Protein backbone atom coordinates (compact mmCIF):
# COMPACT_ATOMS: atom_id res chain seq x y z
CA MET A 1 -24.45 36.98 -7.54
CA GLY A 2 -26.91 34.86 -9.46
CA LEU A 3 -26.62 31.26 -10.53
CA TRP A 4 -26.27 30.43 -14.21
CA ARG A 5 -27.59 27.26 -15.79
CA THR A 6 -25.33 25.64 -18.37
CA HIS A 7 -25.96 22.13 -19.64
CA ARG A 8 -27.77 20.89 -16.54
CA THR A 9 -25.27 22.31 -14.06
CA LEU A 10 -25.42 25.44 -11.97
CA THR A 11 -22.38 27.69 -11.79
CA HIS A 12 -21.63 31.06 -10.23
CA SER A 13 -20.23 32.56 -13.42
CA PRO A 14 -21.94 33.53 -16.69
CA PRO A 15 -21.50 31.36 -19.81
CA LYS A 16 -18.17 31.89 -21.51
CA LYS A 17 -18.16 34.09 -24.56
CA GLU A 18 -16.92 32.77 -27.88
CA ASN A 19 -16.08 35.38 -30.50
CA ASN A 20 -17.61 38.08 -28.25
CA THR A 21 -21.12 36.55 -28.40
CA LEU A 22 -23.22 34.76 -25.84
CA PRO A 23 -24.51 31.26 -26.64
CA ILE A 24 -27.91 31.20 -28.36
CA GLN A 25 -30.70 30.36 -25.93
CA PRO A 26 -34.19 29.24 -26.97
CA PRO A 27 -36.95 31.74 -26.18
CA TRP A 28 -38.14 31.49 -22.59
CA THR A 29 -41.68 30.28 -22.05
CA ASN A 30 -43.59 30.58 -18.82
CA PRO A 31 -44.30 27.06 -17.49
CA ALA A 32 -47.43 28.37 -15.76
CA SER A 33 -48.93 29.26 -19.14
CA GLN A 34 -48.53 25.67 -20.28
CA ARG A 35 -50.45 24.50 -17.21
CA ARG A 36 -53.21 27.07 -17.62
CA CYS A 37 -53.91 26.27 -21.28
CA HIS A 38 -53.20 22.55 -21.12
CA GLY A 39 -56.24 20.50 -22.01
CA LYS A 40 -58.41 23.49 -22.88
CA ARG A 41 -59.89 23.90 -26.31
CA ARG A 42 -58.65 26.97 -28.17
CA TYR A 43 -61.26 28.81 -30.19
CA PRO A 44 -60.05 31.11 -33.00
CA SER A 45 -62.74 33.75 -32.39
CA ILE A 46 -64.81 35.09 -29.52
CA THR A 47 -67.98 34.34 -31.49
CA LEU A 48 -67.23 30.61 -31.67
CA ALA A 49 -66.21 30.54 -28.01
CA GLU A 50 -69.39 32.32 -26.91
CA THR A 51 -71.51 29.89 -28.92
CA ALA A 52 -69.77 26.95 -27.26
CA ALA A 53 -70.13 28.59 -23.82
CA GLU A 54 -73.83 29.13 -24.38
CA LYS A 55 -74.33 25.47 -25.35
CA ALA A 56 -72.29 24.30 -22.34
CA SER A 57 -74.30 26.58 -20.02
CA TYR A 58 -77.55 25.15 -21.33
CA LYS A 59 -76.25 21.58 -21.00
CA THR A 60 -74.86 21.95 -17.45
CA GLY A 61 -77.26 24.55 -16.07
CA GLU A 62 -74.29 26.61 -14.85
CA LEU A 63 -72.91 29.92 -16.06
CA ILE A 64 -70.03 29.29 -18.46
CA LEU A 65 -68.27 32.21 -20.12
CA ALA A 66 -65.94 32.77 -23.05
CA TYR A 67 -62.72 34.70 -22.42
CA GLN A 68 -59.48 35.57 -24.16
CA CYS A 69 -56.43 33.84 -22.72
CA TYR A 70 -53.50 36.04 -21.69
CA ASP A 71 -51.00 33.31 -22.56
CA CYS A 72 -52.02 31.98 -25.98
CA LEU A 73 -54.23 34.95 -27.03
CA ARG A 74 -56.89 32.50 -28.21
CA PHE A 75 -60.31 32.09 -26.64
CA HIS A 76 -61.34 29.51 -24.02
CA ILE A 77 -64.53 28.82 -22.08
CA GLY A 78 -64.82 28.27 -18.35
CA HIS A 79 -67.06 28.46 -15.31
CA ALA A 80 -67.83 31.92 -13.99
CA ASP A 81 -66.44 32.94 -10.62
CA ALA A 82 -68.62 34.34 -7.82
CA SER A 83 -68.27 37.99 -8.88
CA GLN A 84 -69.28 37.22 -12.45
CA LYS A 85 -72.33 35.31 -11.26
CA ILE A 86 -73.47 38.30 -9.19
CA VAL A 87 -73.48 40.75 -12.11
CA ARG A 88 -75.25 38.42 -14.53
CA LYS A 89 -78.90 37.60 -14.33
CA PRO A 90 -79.46 33.86 -14.57
CA THR A 91 -81.67 32.58 -17.37
CA SER A 92 -84.36 29.99 -16.77
CA HIS A 93 -82.03 27.03 -17.39
CA MET A 94 -79.19 28.20 -15.09
CA ARG A 95 -78.72 27.39 -11.43
CA VAL A 96 -77.74 30.24 -9.13
């Protein structure tokens, strides 16, 4: 049997029904998605994100890519991982 959360207490029984309906619950959000997107700039299009990634790559000398976020469906920029660095040829201003 699972535990049910009702008003900050855990019980072993489901919430009581009133008029044959369950209480209205807010939509569930994944707390991990809030951590992954927190503090990152959200770009409305891949074009804007790629432009920002290109400028950041030039400024830092590291490979920075634009990608679409699975959680917010917007676009972010971030450092490339090792596999992405292997398949891309570095330009003159990037460190390998």
